[in-house]
Amino acid sequence: MPSNPTTGTATASCRLPYPSLPSLDEAQRSGSLPSTQRVKWRSDSAQSDGSDNDVDLEGGWYDAGDYVKFGFPMASSATLIAWGLIEFDSGYKNVGQFEYGLDCLKWVADYLVKCHTVRRILAG
């Protein structure tokens, strides 16, 4: 058990995998990936989502590695991440993950905004 779980300081017998462990959410990203992407095996994907209806739906997260995006589970996951960043901000900051968390939320929020394609219509 870490001597101080908030700061990530670990004893000799227990080492935390942070900050070297990339986020699962980065592994599930869809679209044109940024240069800050830490999951190197993931490449750009689904860059033309929505083009059949003349809308840009690039981005968001895949649900389960199956190249399908579901809006409600994505929004739920983003809500839990945001809540964690609010409640445990000092812990995230101490292990250098806070900015990655904000980037993660921006990735999904940008996509969800794109899903509101016309008034009273939400794709996804």
Protein backbone atom coordinates (compact mmCIF):
# COMPACT_ATOMS: atom_id res chain seq x y z
CA MET A 1 0.00 0.00 0.00
CA PRO A 2 1.38 3.45 -0.87
CA SER A 3 2.51 5.48 2.08
CA ASN A 4 0.55 8.45 0.73
CA PRO A 5 -2.08 7.55 -1.90
CA THR A 6 -2.90 11.21 -2.54
CA THR A 7 0.59 12.10 -3.71
CA GLY A 8 1.39 8.76 -5.30
CA THR A 9 4.43 8.24 -3.07
CA ALA A 10 4.94 4.50 -2.87
CA THR A 11 6.82 2.20 -0.56
CA ALA A 12 9.58 -0.01 -1.93
CA SER A 13 7.17 -2.96 -2.15
CA CYS A 14 4.45 -1.10 -4.06
CA ARG A 15 4.88 1.20 -7.03
CA LEU A 16 2.02 3.06 -8.67
CA PRO A 17 1.93 2.79 -12.48
CA TYR A 18 1.31 6.54 -12.89
CA PRO A 19 2.21 8.69 -14.76
CA SER A 20 3.58 6.17 -17.27
CA LEU A 21 0.28 4.33 -17.72
CA PRO A 22 -1.75 5.84 -20.60
CA SER A 23 -5.44 6.32 -20.07
CA LEU A 24 -7.90 3.71 -21.30
CA ASP A 25 -9.85 6.61 -22.73
CA GLU A 26 -6.89 7.52 -24.95
CA ALA A 27 -6.89 3.96 -26.26
CA GLN A 28 -10.57 4.29 -27.17
CA ARG A 29 -10.24 7.58 -29.09
CA SER A 30 -11.79 7.86 -32.51
CA GLY A 31 -10.81 10.39 -35.17
CA SER A 32 -7.63 12.27 -36.02
CA LEU A 33 -5.41 11.76 -33.01
CA PRO A 34 -3.38 14.61 -31.48
CA SER A 35 0.40 14.59 -31.16
CA THR A 36 -0.05 14.22 -27.38
CA GLN A 37 -1.60 10.75 -27.84
CA ARG A 38 0.24 8.38 -25.46
CA VAL A 39 -1.21 5.14 -26.82
CA LYS A 40 1.13 4.66 -29.77
CA TRP A 41 -0.55 1.60 -31.29
CA ARG A 42 -3.80 3.54 -31.82
CA SER A 43 -3.86 5.44 -35.10
CA ASP A 44 -6.32 7.79 -36.77
CA SER A 45 -9.69 6.19 -37.45
CA ALA A 46 -13.24 7.00 -38.52
CA GLN A 47 -12.25 10.40 -39.89
CA SER A 48 -15.29 10.57 -42.14
CA ASP A 49 -17.98 9.71 -39.57
CA GLY A 50 -21.18 11.54 -40.47
CA SER A 51 -20.03 12.46 -43.98
CA ASP A 52 -22.87 10.41 -45.48
CA ASN A 53 -25.21 13.02 -43.94
CA ASP A 54 -22.94 16.02 -44.55
CA VAL A 55 -22.04 16.42 -40.85
CA ASP A 56 -18.74 16.05 -39.01
CA LEU A 57 -18.98 13.35 -36.35
CA GLU A 58 -15.26 12.66 -36.08
CA GLY A 59 -14.02 12.14 -32.53
CA GLY A 60 -15.39 10.65 -29.35
CA TRP A 61 -14.60 7.26 -27.84
CA TYR A 62 -15.29 3.76 -29.04
CA ASP A 63 -17.44 1.84 -26.62
CA ALA A 64 -15.64 -1.49 -26.30
CA GLY A 65 -12.94 -1.79 -28.93
CA ASP A 66 -15.59 -2.56 -31.54
CA TYR A 67 -15.56 0.75 -33.47
CA VAL A 68 -19.02 1.73 -32.22
CA LYS A 69 -19.69 4.98 -30.37
CA PHE A 70 -22.63 5.35 -27.98
CA GLY A 71 -23.45 8.84 -26.72
CA PHE A 72 -25.03 8.05 -23.35
CA PRO A 73 -22.31 5.69 -22.05
CA MET A 74 -19.70 8.17 -23.34
CA ALA A 75 -21.38 11.05 -21.50
CA SER A 76 -21.64 8.93 -18.35
CA SER A 77 -17.93 8.05 -18.48
CA ALA A 78 -17.02 11.69 -19.04
CA THR A 79 -19.17 12.71 -16.07
CA LEU A 80 -17.39 10.24 -13.78
CA ILE A 81 -13.98 11.42 -14.98
CA ALA A 82 -14.97 15.06 -14.39
CA TRP A 83 -16.26 14.22 -10.93
CA GLY A 84 -13.00 12.47 -10.10
CA LEU A 85 -10.97 15.45 -11.32
CA ILE A 86 -13.05 17.77 -9.13
CA GLU A 87 -13.02 15.60 -6.01
CA PHE A 88 -9.40 14.46 -6.22
CA ASP A 89 -7.75 17.31 -8.12
CA SER A 90 -4.71 17.45 -5.84
CA GLY A 91 -4.06 13.73 -6.32
CA TYR A 92 -4.28 14.03 -10.10
CA LYS A 93 -2.03 17.09 -10.02
CA ASN A 94 0.53 15.43 -7.74
CA VAL A 95 1.00 12.53 -10.17
CA GLY A 96 0.95 14.74 -13.25
CA GLN A 97 -2.34 13.47 -14.66
CA PHE A 98 -4.66 16.46 -14.20
CA GLU A 99 -3.97 18.03 -17.61
CA TYR A 100 -4.43 14.64 -19.28
CA GLY A 101 -7.80 14.40 -17.53
CA LEU A 102 -8.86 17.80 -18.84
CA ASP A 103 -7.71 16.82 -22.33
CA CYS A 104 -9.73 13.62 -22.04
CA LEU A 105 -12.86 15.60 -21.16
CA LYS A 106 -12.31 18.09 -23.97
CA TRP A 107 -11.96 15.24 -26.47
CA VAL A 108 -15.36 13.84 -25.56
CA ALA A 109 -17.09 17.21 -25.04
CA ASP A 110 -16.02 18.39 -28.50
CA TYR A 111 -17.52 15.24 -30.00
CA LEU A 112 -20.79 15.50 -28.07
CA VAL A 113 -21.21 19.10 -29.21
CA LYS A 114 -20.73 17.93 -32.82
CA CYS A 115 -23.47 15.34 -32.27
CA HIS A 116 -26.03 18.12 -31.88
CA THR A 117 -26.28 18.44 -35.65
CA VAL A 118 -29.56 20.37 -35.93
CA ARG A 119 -32.15 21.69 -33.53
CA ARG A 120 -33.74 18.89 -31.49
CA ILE A 121 -31.54 16.23 -33.09
CA LEU A 122 -28.69 14.50 -31.27
CA ALA A 123 -26.74 11.88 -33.20
CA GLY A 124 -25.43 8.98 -31.18
